């Protein structure tokens, strides 16, 4: 882990692309600091640094749709990670299996949805009123 350049951008974070270990579909992109990566390795559950809330966030802690850690790869510059994971449920907070569920139209003017949601986010992410 000491080879990973967490300090290259000055914020202690590296991008971490998550890919389905079996299908090789790209599931999501998150950011990890040293603590998030260590927690991922220790628990087997993919954990990120949530920039908006400035705290650790284990994928699925609210929805139950977790990412089980399979393996870790680092790029040639040692400043980004590829996490291979086994998704349990949909990965995207929108209910889609991947965060990359939209594809550019042939004319490049709009987007078309290429997957169906697996859950209703309004039901999963209910907030207390």
Protein backbone atom coordinates (compact mmCIF):
# COMPACT_ATOMS: atom_id res chain seq x y z
CA UNK A 1 0.00 0.00 0.00
CA UNK A 2 2.97 2.34 0.50
CA UNK A 3 3.54 2.45 -3.27
CA UNK A 4 0.13 4.04 -3.93
CA UNK A 5 0.51 7.80 -4.42
CA UNK A 6 -2.27 9.07 -2.17
CA UNK A 7 -0.62 12.49 -1.92
CA UNK A 8 -0.20 13.15 -5.65
CA UNK A 9 -3.23 15.48 -5.83
CA UNK A 10 -2.78 16.99 -2.38
CA UNK A 11 -6.05 15.68 -0.94
CA UNK A 12 -4.88 12.20 0.04
CA UNK A 13 -7.30 10.55 -2.39
CA UNK A 14 -6.96 8.32 -5.42
CA UNK A 15 -9.72 7.44 -7.88
CA UNK A 16 -10.94 3.86 -7.51
CA UNK A 17 -12.83 2.35 -10.43
CA UNK A 18 -14.96 -0.65 -9.45
CA UNK A 19 -15.50 -3.45 -11.93
CA UNK A 20 -17.65 -6.57 -11.61
CA UNK A 21 -15.14 -9.39 -11.12
CA UNK A 22 -17.24 -11.80 -13.14
CA UNK A 23 -18.83 -9.79 -15.99
CA UNK A 24 -16.13 -7.07 -16.14
CA UNK A 25 -18.86 -4.39 -16.28
CA UNK A 26 -17.73 -1.06 -14.86
CA UNK A 27 -19.91 -0.48 -11.80
CA UNK A 28 -18.87 2.86 -10.33
CA UNK A 29 -16.07 5.29 -9.60
CA UNK A 30 -15.26 6.39 -6.07
CA UNK A 31 -12.33 7.84 -4.19
CA UNK A 32 -10.20 6.15 -1.56
CA UNK A 33 -7.78 7.40 1.00
CA UNK A 34 -5.39 5.10 2.84
CA UNK A 35 -7.97 4.42 5.58
CA UNK A 36 -10.73 3.48 3.09
CA UNK A 37 -8.43 1.08 1.29
CA UNK A 38 -7.28 -0.49 4.54
CA UNK A 39 -10.88 -0.94 5.71
CA UNK A 40 -11.73 -2.54 2.34
CA UNK A 41 -8.85 -4.99 2.71
CA UNK A 42 -9.64 -5.73 6.37
CA UNK A 43 -13.41 -6.21 6.01
CA UNK A 44 -13.80 -7.46 2.44
CA UNK A 45 -16.44 -4.78 1.82
CA UNK A 46 -15.56 -1.96 -0.59
CA UNK A 47 -15.26 1.32 1.30
CA UNK A 48 -14.65 4.83 -0.04
CA UNK A 49 -13.93 8.30 1.24
CA UNK A 50 -17.14 10.28 0.75
CA UNK A 51 -15.92 13.71 -0.33
CA UNK A 52 -19.25 15.50 0.19
CA UNK A 53 -19.54 14.40 3.82
CA UNK A 54 -15.84 14.02 4.57
CA UNK A 55 -16.16 10.55 6.04
CA UNK A 56 -15.70 6.87 5.25
CA UNK A 57 -18.58 5.22 3.44
CA UNK A 58 -18.96 1.48 2.92
CA UNK A 59 -20.96 0.82 -0.24
CA UNK A 60 -24.37 -0.55 0.70
CA UNK A 61 -24.48 0.65 4.30
CA UNK A 62 -27.91 2.20 3.66
CA UNK A 63 -29.29 0.12 0.78
CA UNK A 64 -27.81 -3.27 1.59
CA UNK A 65 -26.46 -3.41 -1.99
CA UNK A 66 -22.84 -4.06 -1.12
CA UNK A 67 -19.68 -4.64 -3.11
CA UNK A 68 -17.72 -7.65 -1.88
CA UNK A 69 -14.00 -7.09 -2.44
CA UNK A 70 -12.30 -9.62 -4.74
CA UNK A 71 -8.97 -8.05 -5.76
CA UNK A 72 -7.00 -4.84 -6.10
CA UNK A 73 -5.00 -3.50 -9.04
CA UNK A 74 -2.98 -0.30 -9.33
CA UNK A 75 -2.20 1.57 -12.54
CA UNK A 76 1.31 2.10 -13.95
CA UNK A 77 1.63 5.52 -12.30
CA UNK A 78 0.47 4.14 -8.93
CA UNK A 79 -2.12 6.90 -8.62
CA UNK A 80 -5.42 5.16 -9.38
CA UNK A 81 -6.96 1.86 -8.39
CA UNK A 82 -9.07 -0.81 -10.02
CA UNK A 83 -11.19 -2.75 -7.56
CA UNK A 84 -12.66 -6.04 -8.73
CA UNK A 85 -15.76 -6.78 -6.72
CA UNK A 86 -18.80 -9.01 -6.49
CA UNK A 87 -21.89 -6.80 -6.43
CA UNK A 88 -24.78 -7.88 -4.22
CA UNK A 89 -27.76 -6.05 -5.68
CA UNK A 90 -27.68 -2.94 -7.81
CA UNK A 91 -24.65 -0.69 -7.49
CA UNK A 92 -26.12 2.69 -8.43
CA UNK A 93 -28.20 4.73 -5.97
CA UNK A 94 -30.74 5.11 -8.84
CA UNK A 95 -31.44 1.38 -8.65
CA UNK A 96 -29.52 0.51 -11.81
CA UNK A 97 -26.98 -2.33 -11.78
CA UNK A 98 -24.18 0.10 -12.70
CA UNK A 99 -23.73 3.86 -12.42
CA UNK A 100 -22.97 3.83 -16.15
CA UNK A 101 -26.52 3.02 -17.27
CA UNK A 102 -26.89 5.74 -19.92
CA UNK A 103 -25.42 5.73 -23.41
CA UNK A 104 -25.13 8.59 -25.89
CA UNK A 105 -27.72 8.63 -28.67
CA UNK A 106 -26.39 7.97 -32.17
CA UNK A 107 -26.55 11.71 -32.95
CA UNK A 108 -24.76 12.59 -29.70
CA UNK A 109 -27.57 14.96 -28.70
CA UNK A 110 -29.01 12.99 -25.80
CA UNK A 111 -28.84 9.92 -23.62
CA UNK A 112 -30.70 6.64 -23.63
CA UNK A 113 -31.07 4.34 -20.66
CA UNK A 114 -29.58 0.91 -21.39
CA UNK A 115 -30.43 -0.96 -18.17
CA UNK A 116 -33.52 -1.35 -16.02
CA UNK A 117 -33.53 -0.35 -12.35
CA UNK A 118 -33.45 -3.24 -9.90
CA UNK A 119 -35.04 -1.30 -7.04
CA UNK A 120 -37.00 1.88 -6.34
CA UNK A 121 -34.62 4.39 -4.75
CA UNK A 122 -37.51 6.24 -3.07
CA UNK A 123 -38.30 3.07 -1.14
CA UNK A 124 -34.70 2.23 -0.28
CA UNK A 125 -33.51 5.71 0.71
CA UNK A 126 -36.52 6.91 2.69
CA UNK A 127 -35.67 9.82 4.93
CA UNK A 128 -37.23 10.53 8.28
CA UNK A 129 -39.70 13.39 8.13
